C-alpha atoms as a PDB file:
ATOM      1  CA  UNK A   1     106.677 158.572 278.624  1.00  0.00           C
ATOM      2  CA  UNK A   2     105.272 159.878 274.891  1.00  0.00           C
ATOM      3  CA  UNK A   3     101.890 160.451 276.138  1.00  0.00           C
ATOM      4  CA  UNK A   4     103.333 162.725 278.812  1.00  0.00           C
ATOM      5  CA  UNK A   5     105.519 164.471 276.675  1.00  0.00           C
ATOM      6  CA  UNK A   6     102.569 165.153 273.940  1.00  0.00           C
ATOM      7  CA  UNK A   7     100.025 165.890 276.340  1.00  0.00           C
ATOM      8  CA  UNK A   8     102.265 168.404 278.365  1.00  0.00           C
ATOM      9  CA  UNK A   9     103.109 169.783 275.050  1.00  0.00           C
ATOM     10  CA  UNK A  10      99.547 170.112 274.301  1.00  0.00           C
ATOM     11  CA  UNK A  11      98.801 171.665 277.836  1.00  0.00           C
ATOM     12  CA  UNK A  12     101.568 174.737 277.543  1.00  0.00           C
ATOM     13  CA  UNK A  13     100.108 175.605 274.356  1.00  0.00           C
ATOM     14  CA  UNK A  14      96.482 175.571 274.994  1.00  0.00           C
ATOM     15  CA  UNK A  15      97.678 177.806 278.238  1.00  0.00           C
ATOM     16  CA  UNK A  16      99.514 179.988 276.268  1.00  0.00           C
ATOM     17  CA  UNK A  17      96.698 180.213 273.269  1.00  0.00           C
ATOM     18  CA  UNK A  18      94.384 180.880 276.120  1.00  0.00           C
ATOM     19  CA  UNK A  19      96.429 183.955 277.524  1.00  0.00           C
ATOM     20  CA  UNK A  20      96.861 185.660 274.050  1.00  0.00           C
ATOM     21  CA  UNK A  21      93.182 184.922 273.829  1.00  0.00           C
ATOM     22  CA  UNK A  22      91.912 186.773 277.060  1.00  0.00           C
ATOM     23  CA  UNK A  23      94.567 189.500 276.322  1.00  0.00           C
ATOM     24  CA  UNK A  24      92.822 190.155 272.987  1.00  0.00           C
ATOM     25  CA  UNK A  25      89.637 190.243 274.911  1.00  0.00           C
ATOM     26  CA  UNK A  26      91.002 192.856 277.058  1.00  0.00           C
ATOM     27  CA  UNK A  27      91.917 195.001 274.602  1.00  0.00           C
ATOM     28  CA  UNK A  28      88.817 194.466 272.517  1.00  0.00           C
ATOM     29  CA  UNK A  29      90.059 192.861 269.528  1.00  0.00           C
ATOM     30  CA  UNK A  30      88.132 189.591 270.026  1.00  0.00           C
ATOM     31  CA  UNK A  31      85.953 187.755 267.898  1.00  0.00           C
ATOM     32  CA  UNK A  32      83.643 185.320 267.431  1.00  0.00           C
ATOM     33  CA  UNK A  33      84.751 183.571 264.703  1.00  0.00           C
ATOM     34  CA  UNK A  34      88.341 182.803 263.583  1.00  0.00           C
ATOM     35  CA  UNK A  35      89.468 185.619 260.687  1.00  0.00           C
ATOM     36  CA  UNK A  36      90.300 184.199 257.359  1.00  0.00           C
ATOM     37  CA  UNK A  37      93.720 185.878 257.344  1.00  0.00           C
ATOM     38  CA  UNK A  38      94.202 183.066 260.818  1.00  0.00           C
ATOM     39  CA  UNK A  39      96.144 180.047 260.103  1.00  0.00           C
ATOM     40  CA  UNK A  40      94.748 176.860 261.682  1.00  0.00           C
ATOM     41  CA  UNK A  41      96.080 175.598 264.796  1.00  0.00           C
ATOM     42  CA  UNK A  42      95.340 173.702 268.080  1.00  0.00           C
ATOM     43  CA  UNK A  43      92.765 176.332 269.233  1.00  0.00           C
ATOM     44  CA  UNK A  44      91.209 177.984 265.667  1.00  0.00           C
ATOM     45  CA  UNK A  45      90.032 176.237 262.885  1.00  0.00           C
ATOM     46  CA  UNK A  46      86.880 173.664 262.139  1.00  0.00           C
ATOM     47  CA  UNK A  47      87.363 170.423 262.894  1.00  0.00           C
ATOM     48  CA  UNK A  48      84.702 167.163 262.209  1.00  0.00           C
ATOM     49  CA  UNK A  49      84.655 164.913 264.945  1.00  0.00           C
ATOM     50  CA  UNK A  50      83.368 161.256 264.540  1.00  0.00           C
ATOM     51  CA  UNK A  51      81.550 159.938 267.702  1.00  0.00           C
ATOM     52  CA  UNK A  52      80.017 157.223 268.878  1.00  0.00           C
ATOM     53  CA  UNK A  53      76.501 157.477 268.836  1.00  0.00           C
ATOM     54  CA  UNK A  54      75.986 156.258 272.798  1.00  0.00           C
ATOM     55  CA  UNK A  55      78.135 158.680 274.595  1.00  0.00           C
ATOM     56  CA  UNK A  56      76.769 161.838 272.404  1.00  0.00           C
ATOM     57  CA  UNK A  57      75.262 163.352 275.260  1.00  0.00           C
ATOM     58  CA  UNK A  58      78.866 163.501 277.198  1.00  0.00           C
ATOM     59  CA  UNK A  59      80.228 165.149 274.489  1.00  0.00           C
ATOM     60  CA  UNK A  60      77.951 167.565 273.853  1.00  0.00           C
ATOM     61  CA  UNK A  61      79.106 168.811 277.164  1.00  0.00           C
ATOM     62  CA  UNK A  62      82.603 168.858 276.254  1.00  0.00           C
ATOM     63  CA  UNK A  63      81.776 170.858 273.524  1.00  0.00           C
ATOM     64  CA  UNK A  64      79.831 173.278 275.609  1.00  0.00           C
ATOM     65  CA  UNK A  65      82.774 174.256 277.651  1.00  0.00           C
ATOM     66  CA  UNK A  66      85.352 173.820 274.915  1.00  0.00           C
ATOM     67  CA  UNK A  67      83.952 176.490 272.943  1.00  0.00           C
ATOM     68  CA  UNK A  68      83.326 178.981 275.600  1.00  0.00           C
ATOM     69  CA  UNK A  69      86.923 179.227 276.504  1.00  0.00           C
ATOM     70  CA  UNK A  70      88.329 178.988 272.503  1.00  0.00           C
ATOM     71  CA  UNK A  71      85.346 180.910 270.305  1.00  0.00           C
ATOM     72  CA  UNK A  72      87.689 180.595 267.163  1.00  0.00           C
ATOM     73  CA  UNK A  73      87.481 176.841 267.227  1.00  0.00           C
ATOM     74  CA  UNK A  74      84.589 175.045 265.708  1.00  0.00           C
ATOM     75  CA  UNK A  75      83.323 171.548 265.820  1.00  0.00           C
ATOM     76  CA  UNK A  76      81.448 169.475 264.099  1.00  0.00           C
ATOM     77  CA  UNK A  77      80.022 166.243 265.584  1.00  0.00           C
ATOM     78  CA  UNK A  78      78.910 163.162 263.468  1.00  0.00           C
ATOM     79  CA  UNK A  79      77.230 160.768 265.708  1.00  0.00           C
ATOM     80  CA  UNK A  80      77.373 157.056 264.288  1.00  0.00           C
ATOM     81  CA  UNK A  81      76.933 153.636 265.848  1.00  0.00           C
ATOM     82  CA  UNK A  82      80.450 152.219 266.276  1.00  0.00           C
ATOM     83  CA  UNK A  83      80.265 149.927 263.275  1.00  0.00           C
ATOM     84  CA  UNK A  84      79.750 153.228 260.861  1.00  0.00           C
ATOM     85  CA  UNK A  85      81.783 155.363 262.937  1.00  0.00           C
ATOM     86  CA  UNK A  86      84.694 153.615 262.068  1.00  0.00           C
ATOM     87  CA  UNK A  87      83.419 153.376 258.258  1.00  0.00           C
ATOM     88  CA  UNK A  88      83.216 157.589 258.508  1.00  0.00           C
ATOM     89  CA  UNK A  89      86.360 157.443 259.865  1.00  0.00           C
ATOM     90  CA  UNK A  90      88.236 155.127 257.465  1.00  0.00           C
ATOM     91  CA  UNK A  91      86.876 157.273 254.733  1.00  0.00           C
ATOM     92  CA  UNK A  92      88.228 160.681 255.951  1.00  0.00           C
ATOM     93  CA  UNK A  93      84.649 162.259 257.222  1.00  0.00           C
ATOM     94  CA  UNK A  94      86.601 163.096 260.207  1.00  0.00           C
ATOM     95  CA  UNK A  95      90.139 163.003 261.283  1.00  0.00           C
ATOM     96  CA  UNK A  96      89.382 162.917 264.911  1.00  0.00           C
ATOM     97  CA  UNK A  97      86.763 159.982 266.609  1.00  0.00           C
ATOM     98  CA  UNK A  98      85.337 159.223 269.954  1.00  0.00           C
ATOM     99  CA  UNK A  99      85.508 155.252 269.895  1.00  0.00           C
ATOM    100  CA  UNK A 100      84.918 152.250 272.261  1.00  0.00           C
ATOM    101  CA  UNK A 101      88.104 150.635 270.668  1.00  0.00           C
ATOM    102  CA  UNK A 102      90.773 151.064 269.314  1.00  0.00           C
ATOM    103  CA  UNK A 103      91.798 150.553 264.925  1.00  0.00           C
ATOM    104  CA  UNK A 104      93.150 147.425 264.158  1.00  0.00           C
ATOM    105  CA  UNK A 105      96.096 146.666 262.392  1.00  0.00           C
ATOM    106  CA  UNK A 106      94.314 146.287 259.141  1.00  0.00           C
ATOM    107  CA  UNK A 107      92.190 149.175 259.630  1.00  0.00           C
ATOM    108  CA  UNK A 108      95.472 151.452 260.265  1.00  0.00           C
ATOM    109  CA  UNK A 109      96.913 149.936 257.020  1.00  0.00           C
ATOM    110  CA  UNK A 110      95.174 152.876 255.315  1.00  0.00           C
ATOM    111  CA  UNK A 111      96.649 156.004 257.544  1.00  0.00           C
ATOM    112  CA  UNK A 112     100.122 153.918 257.941  1.00  0.00           C
ATOM    113  CA  UNK A 113     100.645 154.616 254.119  1.00  0.00           C
ATOM    114  CA  UNK A 114      99.975 158.080 254.342  1.00  0.00           C
ATOM    115  CA  UNK A 115     102.538 157.834 257.433  1.00  0.00           C
ATOM    116  CA  UNK A 116      99.617 159.733 259.758  1.00  0.00           C
ATOM    117  CA  UNK A 117     100.449 158.175 262.854  1.00  0.00           C
ATOM    118  CA  UNK A 118      97.482 157.955 265.679  1.00  0.00           C
ATOM    119  CA  UNK A 119      97.877 160.100 268.754  1.00  0.00           C
ATOM    120  CA  UNK A 120      95.407 157.449 271.148  1.00  0.00           C
ATOM    121  CA  UNK A 121      94.592 158.099 274.365  1.00  0.00           C
ATOM    122  CA  UNK A 122      91.495 157.008 277.215  1.00  0.00           C
ATOM    123  CA  UNK A 123      89.394 159.193 278.355  1.00  0.00           C
ATOM    124  CA  UNK A 124      86.480 158.167 280.112  1.00  0.00           C
ATOM    125  CA  UNK A 125      85.152 154.578 281.555  1.00  0.00           C
ATOM    126  CA  UNK A 126      81.385 153.974 280.500  1.00  0.00           C
ATOM    127  CA  UNK A 127      79.322 150.422 280.631  1.00  0.00           C
ATOM    128  CA  UNK A 128      76.510 148.490 279.000  1.00  0.00           C
ATOM    129  CA  UNK A 129      73.509 148.472 280.788  1.00  0.00           C
ATOM    130  CA  UNK A 130      70.191 146.540 281.003  1.00  0.00           C
ATOM    131  CA  UNK A 131      67.003 147.952 281.571  1.00  0.00           C
ATOM    132  CA  UNK A 132      63.256 146.912 282.121  1.00  0.00           C
ATOM    133  CA  UNK A 133      59.980 147.457 282.671  1.00  0.00           C
ATOM    134  CA  UNK A 134      58.927 147.909 286.270  1.00  0.00           C
ATOM    135  CA  UNK A 135      56.053 145.460 286.295  1.00  0.00           C
ATOM    136  CA  UNK A 136      58.617 142.639 285.102  1.00  0.00           C
ATOM    137  CA  UNK A 137      59.392 140.440 288.001  1.00  0.00           C
ATOM    138  CA  UNK A 138      62.841 140.547 286.826  1.00  0.00           C
ATOM    139  CA  UNK A 139      65.811 142.972 288.854  1.00  0.00           C
ATOM    140  CA  UNK A 140      68.954 141.479 287.738  1.00  0.00           C
ATOM    141  CA  UNK A 141      70.356 139.770 284.682  1.00  0.00           C
ATOM    142  CA  UNK A 142      73.397 137.421 284.271  1.00  0.00           C
ATOM    143  CA  UNK A 143      75.701 137.576 281.113  1.00  0.00           C
ATOM    144  CA  UNK A 144      75.110 134.351 280.206  1.00  0.00           C
ATOM    145  CA  UNK A 145      71.623 134.946 280.111  1.00  0.00           C
ATOM    146  CA  UNK A 146      71.711 137.462 278.086  1.00  0.00           C
ATOM    147  CA  UNK A 147      74.328 135.336 275.800  1.00  0.00           C
ATOM    148  CA  UNK A 148      71.782 132.943 275.617  1.00  0.00           C
ATOM    149  CA  UNK A 149      69.343 135.383 274.182  1.00  0.00           C
ATOM    150  CA  UNK A 150      71.862 135.846 271.583  1.00  0.00           C
ATOM    151  CA  UNK A 151      72.712 132.274 270.542  1.00  0.00           C
ATOM    152  CA  UNK A 152      68.792 131.472 270.835  1.00  0.00           C
ATOM    153  CA  UNK A 153      68.952 128.882 272.851  1.00  0.00           C
ATOM    154  CA  UNK A 154      67.262 130.824 275.801  1.00  0.00           C
ATOM    155  CA  UNK A 155      63.729 129.731 277.225  1.00  0.00           C
ATOM    156  CA  UNK A 156      62.639 132.653 279.062  1.00  0.00           C
ATOM    157  CA  UNK A 157      60.697 133.968 277.008  1.00  0.00           C
ATOM    158  CA  UNK A 158      62.695 137.468 277.271  1.00  0.00           C
ATOM    159  CA  UNK A 159      63.829 139.171 274.310  1.00  0.00           C
ATOM    160  CA  UNK A 160      66.520 141.650 273.982  1.00  0.00           C
ATOM    161  CA  UNK A 161      66.236 145.304 272.270  1.00  0.00           C
ATOM    162  CA  UNK A 162      69.375 146.865 271.277  1.00  0.00           C
ATOM    163  CA  UNK A 163      70.334 150.582 270.831  1.00  0.00           C
ATOM    164  CA  UNK A 164      71.385 149.890 267.416  1.00  0.00           C
ATOM    165  CA  UNK A 165      72.780 146.369 265.971  1.00  0.00           C
ATOM    166  CA  UNK A 166      75.889 148.589 264.560  1.00  0.00           C
ATOM    167  CA  UNK A 167      76.114 149.622 268.210  1.00  0.00           C
ATOM    168  CA  UNK A 168      79.462 149.418 270.212  1.00  0.00           C
ATOM    169  CA  UNK A 169      77.036 147.397 272.790  1.00  0.00           C
ATOM    170  CA  UNK A 170      76.132 144.737 270.300  1.00  0.00           C
ATOM    171  CA  UNK A 171      79.712 144.464 268.953  1.00  0.00           C
ATOM    172  CA  UNK A 172      81.018 144.056 272.944  1.00  0.00           C
ATOM    173  CA  UNK A 173      78.389 141.309 274.040  1.00  0.00           C
ATOM    174  CA  UNK A 174      78.851 139.763 270.637  1.00  0.00           C
ATOM    175  CA  UNK A 175      82.979 139.429 271.443  1.00  0.00           C
ATOM    176  CA  UNK A 176      81.985 138.494 274.891  1.00  0.00           C
ATOM    177  CA  UNK A 177      80.148 135.177 273.680  1.00  0.00           C
ATOM    178  CA  UNK A 178      82.301 134.638 270.727  1.00  0.00           C
ATOM    179  CA  UNK A 179      79.402 134.518 268.443  1.00  0.00           C
ATOM    180  CA  UNK A 180      80.317 134.731 265.030  1.00  0.00           C
ATOM    181  CA  UNK A 181      76.345 134.987 264.232  1.00  0.00           C
ATOM    182  CA  UNK A 182      73.815 136.101 266.645  1.00  0.00           C
ATOM    183  CA  UNK A 183      70.308 134.682 266.395  1.00  0.00           C
ATOM    184  CA  UNK A 184      67.093 136.410 265.954  1.00  0.00           C
ATOM    185  CA  UNK A 185      64.763 135.014 267.795  1.00  0.00           C
ATOM    186  CA  UNK A 186      65.228 136.733 270.671  1.00  0.00           C
ATOM    187  CA  UNK A 187      66.737 140.168 269.206  1.00  0.00           C
ATOM    188  CA  UNK A 188      65.969 142.906 267.798  1.00  0.00           C
ATOM    189  CA  UNK A 189      67.164 146.563 267.007  1.00  0.00           C
ATOM    190  CA  UNK A 190      66.414 150.096 267.459  1.00  0.00           C
ATOM    191  CA  UNK A 191      67.447 153.043 265.970  1.00  0.00           C
ATOM    192  CA  UNK A 192      68.516 155.053 269.108  1.00  0.00           C
ATOM    193  CA  UNK A 193      68.403 154.718 273.206  1.00  0.00           C
ATOM    194  CA  UNK A 194      65.578 156.637 273.122  1.00  0.00           C
ATOM    195  CA  UNK A 195      63.115 154.537 271.339  1.00  0.00           C
ATOM    196  CA  UNK A 196      64.630 151.369 273.511  1.00  0.00           C
ATOM    197  CA  UNK A 197      63.653 153.209 276.516  1.00  0.00           C
ATOM    198  CA  UNK A 198      60.363 154.231 274.982  1.00  0.00           C
ATOM    199  CA  UNK A 199      59.813 150.400 273.867  1.00  0.00           C
ATOM    200  CA  UNK A 200      60.586 149.012 277.106  1.00  0.00           C
ATOM    201  CA  UNK A 201      58.644 151.379 278.814  1.00  0.00           C
ATOM    202  CA  UNK A 202      55.744 149.961 277.014  1.00  0.00           C
ATOM    203  CA  UNK A 203      56.381 146.179 277.289  1.00  0.00           C
ATOM    204  CA  UNK A 204      57.019 144.038 280.217  1.00  0.00           C
ATOM    205  CA  UNK A 205      58.895 141.179 278.595  1.00  0.00           C
ATOM    206  CA  UNK A 206      61.999 142.944 276.795  1.00  0.00           C
ATOM    207  CA  UNK A 207      65.325 143.899 277.841  1.00  0.00           C
ATOM    208  CA  UNK A 208      66.917 147.175 276.872  1.00  0.00           C
ATOM    209  CA  UNK A 209      70.713 147.847 276.071  1.00  0.00           C
ATOM    210  CA  UNK A 210      71.826 151.040 275.812  1.00  0.00           C
ATOM    211  CA  UNK A 211      74.977 152.875 277.330  1.00  0.00           C
ATOM    212  CA  UNK A 212      74.928 154.617 280.867  1.00  0.00           C
ATOM    213  CA  UNK A 213      75.724 157.416 279.544  1.00  0.00           C
ATOM    214  CA  UNK A 214      72.391 157.556 277.525  1.00  0.00           C
ATOM    215  CA  UNK A 215      70.472 156.077 280.421  1.00  0.00           C
ATOM    216  CA  UNK A 216      71.988 158.875 282.886  1.00  0.00           C
ATOM    217  CA  UNK A 217      70.781 161.501 280.225  1.00  0.00           C
ATOM    218  CA  UNK A 218      67.321 159.910 279.158  1.00  0.00           C
ATOM    219  CA  UNK A 219      66.027 158.133 282.652  1.00  0.00           C
ATOM    220  CA  UNK A 220      64.090 160.989 284.296  1.00  0.00           C
ATOM    221  CA  UNK A 221      61.786 161.255 281.134  1.00  0.00           C
ATOM    222  CA  UNK A 222      60.971 157.550 282.166  1.00  0.00           C
ATOM    223  CA  UNK A 223      61.590 157.212 285.568  1.00  0.00           C
ATOM    224  CA  UNK A 224      58.110 155.871 286.697  1.00  0.00           C
ATOM    225  CA  UNK A 225      58.189 152.652 284.159  1.00  0.00           C
ATOM    226  CA  UNK A 226      62.076 152.040 283.786  1.00  0.00           C
ATOM    227  CA  UNK A 227      64.168 149.489 285.904  1.00  0.00           C
ATOM    228  CA  UNK A 228      67.933 149.413 284.994  1.00  0.00           C
ATOM    229  CA  UNK A 229      68.934 145.631 286.629  1.00  0.00           C
ATOM    230  CA  UNK A 230      71.612 144.786 288.515  1.00  0.00           C
ATOM    231  CA  UNK A 231      74.313 142.395 286.869  1.00  0.00           C
ATOM    232  CA  UNK A 232      76.409 139.348 287.776  1.00  0.00           C
ATOM    233  CA  UNK A 233      80.351 140.186 288.097  1.00  0.00           C
ATOM    234  CA  UNK A 234      81.543 136.717 286.624  1.00  0.00           C
ATOM    235  CA  UNK A 235      83.996 138.371 284.322  1.00  0.00           C
ATOM    236  CA  UNK A 236      86.752 140.499 284.494  1.00  0.00           C
ATOM    237  CA  UNK A 237      90.187 140.872 286.610  1.00  0.00           C
ATOM    238  CA  UNK A 238      87.942 140.324 289.912  1.00  0.00           C
ATOM    239  CA  UNK A 239      85.068 138.091 289.649  1.00  0.00           C
ATOM    240  CA  UNK A 240      83.230 137.355 292.771  1.00  0.00           C
ATOM    241  CA  UNK A 241      79.739 136.664 291.959  1.00  0.00           C
ATOM    242  CA  UNK A 242      77.845 139.283 293.162  1.00  0.00           C
ATOM    243  CA  UNK A 243      75.075 141.526 291.708  1.00  0.00           C
ATOM    244  CA  UNK A 244      75.462 144.537 291.150  1.00  0.00           C
ATOM    245  CA  UNK A 245      73.863 148.118 289.450  1.00  0.00           C
ATOM    246  CA  UNK A 246      76.357 149.879 287.137  1.00  0.00           C
ATOM    247  CA  UNK A 247      77.029 153.484 288.931  1.00  0.00           C
ATOM    248  CA  UNK A 248      80.285 155.539 288.840  1.00  0.00           C
ATOM    249  CA  UNK A 249      81.307 153.729 292.376  1.00  0.00           C
ATOM    250  CA  UNK A 250      81.246 150.221 290.544  1.00  0.00           C
ATOM    251  CA  UNK A 251      82.192 151.259 287.431  1.00  0.00           C
ATOM    252  CA  UNK A 252      85.704 152.812 289.285  1.00  0.00           C
ATOM    253  CA  UNK A 253      86.117 149.753 291.107  1.00  0.00           C
ATOM    254  CA  UNK A 254      85.688 147.305 288.516  1.00  0.00           C
ATOM    255  CA  UNK A 255      82.635 145.291 290.052  1.00  0.00           C
ATOM    256  CA  UNK A 256      80.338 146.148 287.599  1.00  0.00           C
ATOM    257  CA  UNK A 257      81.444 143.601 284.656  1.00  0.00           C
ATOM    258  CA  UNK A 258      80.022 145.628 281.229  1.00  0.00           C
ATOM    259  CA  UNK A 259      82.739 148.157 281.454  1.00  0.00           C
ATOM    260  CA  UNK A 260      84.515 149.829 278.546  1.00  0.00           C
ATOM    261  CA  UNK A 261      87.072 152.398 277.957  1.00  0.00           C
ATOM    262  CA  UNK A 262      86.650 155.047 275.749  1.00  0.00           C
ATOM    263  CA  UNK A 263      89.582 156.681 273.753  1.00  0.00           C
ATOM    264  CA  UNK A 264      90.186 160.120 271.620  1.00  0.00           C
ATOM    265  CA  UNK A 265      91.187 158.507 268.043  1.00  0.00           C
ATOM    266  CA  UNK A 266      93.548 161.431 266.757  1.00  0.00           C
ATOM    267  CA  UNK A 267      94.518 160.804 263.306  1.00  0.00           C
ATOM    268  CA  UNK A 268      94.734 164.619 261.917  1.00  0.00           C
ATOM    269  CA  UNK A 269      98.042 164.682 260.323  1.00  0.00           C
ATOM    270  CA  UNK A 270      99.079 167.992 261.583  1.00  0.00           C
ATOM    271  CA  UNK A 271      99.184 169.700 264.940  1.00  0.00           C
ATOM    272  CA  UNK A 272      95.926 171.292 263.868  1.00  0.00           C
ATOM    273  CA  UNK A 273      92.566 171.804 266.284  1.00  0.00           C
ATOM    274  CA  UNK A 274      92.591 167.838 266.465  1.00  0.00           C
ATOM    275  CA  UNK A 275      95.656 168.595 269.318  1.00  0.00           C
ATOM    276  CA  UNK A 276      93.416 170.935 271.390  1.00  0.00           C
ATOM    277  CA  UNK A 277      90.608 169.037 271.625  1.00  0.00           C
ATOM    278  CA  UNK A 278      92.387 165.608 272.756  1.00  0.00           C
ATOM    279  CA  UNK A 279      94.243 168.072 274.890  1.00  0.00           C
ATOM    280  CA  UNK A 280      90.818 169.394 276.339  1.00  0.00           C
ATOM    281  CA  UNK A 281      89.030 166.359 276.624  1.00  0.00           C
ATOM    282  CA  UNK A 282      92.244 164.075 278.820  1.00  0.00           C
ATOM    283  CA  UNK A 283      93.147 167.197 280.534  1.00  0.00           C
ATOM    284  CA  UNK A 284      91.692 168.276 283.612  1.00  0.00           C
ATOM    285  CA  UNK A 285      88.621 170.331 282.866  1.00  0.00           C
ATOM    286  CA  UNK A 286      87.692 167.276 280.506  1.00  0.00           C
ATOM    287  CA  UNK A 287      88.203 164.982 282.933  1.00  0.00           C
ATOM    288  CA  UNK A 288      85.874 166.952 285.359  1.00  0.00           C
ATOM    289  CA  UNK A 289      83.224 167.223 282.990  1.00  0.00           C
ATOM    290  CA  UNK A 290      83.386 163.128 282.652  1.00  0.00           C
ATOM    291  CA  UNK A 291      83.676 163.247 286.208  1.00  0.00           C
ATOM    292  CA  UNK A 292      80.249 165.189 286.952  1.00  0.00           C
ATOM    293  CA  UNK A 293      78.168 163.457 284.180  1.00  0.00           C
ATOM    294  CA  UNK A 294      78.484 160.508 286.272  1.00  0.00           C
ATOM    295  CA  UNK A 295      80.571 158.384 284.315  1.00  0.00           C
ATOM    296  CA  UNK A 296      84.647 157.504 285.521  1.00  0.00           C
ATOM    297  CA  UNK A 297      87.841 159.893 284.274  1.00  0.00           C
ATOM    298  CA  UNK A 298      90.660 157.815 282.715  1.00  0.00           C
ATOM    299  CA  UNK A 299      92.651 160.422 285.098  1.00  0.00           C
ATOM    300  CA  UNK A 300      91.052 161.476 288.366  1.00  0.00           C
ATOM    301  CA  UNK A 301      91.038 165.449 288.412  1.00  0.00           C
ATOM    302  CA  UNK A 302      92.928 167.142 291.101  1.00  0.00           C
ATOM    303  CA  UNK A 303      91.559 168.923 293.865  1.00  0.00           C
ATOM    304  CA  UNK A 304      92.111 172.752 294.925  1.00  0.00           C
ATOM    305  CA  UNK A 305      92.316 173.123 298.863  1.00  0.00           C
ATOM    306  CA  UNK A 306      92.294 176.476 299.857  1.00  0.00           C
ATOM    307  CA  UNK A 307      93.782 176.860 303.564  1.00  0.00           C
ATOM    308  CA  UNK A 308      93.297 179.759 305.524  1.00  0.00           C
ATOM    309  CA  UNK A 309      94.949 181.416 308.164  1.00  0.00           C
ATOM    310  CA  UNK A 310      92.316 182.607 310.056  1.00  0.00           C
ATOM    311  CA  UNK A 311      88.245 182.072 309.857  1.00  0.00           C
END
């Protein structure tokens, strides 16, 4: 109930502010930047947003639409692998974060000591995907095969190449296998998803591990040499031992096993721009951008149907 009250209030504030903005434009008084005398509110000011680098392409799309609607706002994205993103949030380098997990009780202590209560809402579902060279004989993989590589017990001769060893993908798979340590025998780390695809496109013996959002953003550049692998659904609430490729449908139906939910974590102590941007991300326009991008929105946006008496 609190979530709906919060988001409803934010939506009303967004609508009201948008109406004022439109009136100003009609009167010829709009400006590209917020005047120094204007107090920061939910649609005015500057906001540092810490973003898990694996979904940065989608957040850039969100930014473009948000700023076109609210030109008095400014978003400064800090894109980092998950471990560094959380560290930046705890160091107050940004008050809003887009992450594939919520902060732990221990991590929240610093904010609680300052009486800051987070506003946390799901935005969309993404997935971890595996890619290989088209010359590789592999077209599928099991989670157990991946975990065996991470444990160092595999005899397949393959190697895993992660986008970053501080990434949310690495953390999720490590947690899935209850691994305290990961053997370096068959595991490597790159710096970016692009670097992963470049390496896999040139090497038949490696399996790249990136986010589905990054794959969608980069696949056209490597489409001739990259193949996305099917994964056997053996975990979660609906295991059926069938191999699925990641796509919007299999993620939404919970058939593809390596899904993960991304959240907006708003630790801004006041009702500032963090509230406005959070409301945008979880609102109809933000969710439509998610749907168009190929990921799965947390709330399916409504459809507008026009009924005419005559054709």
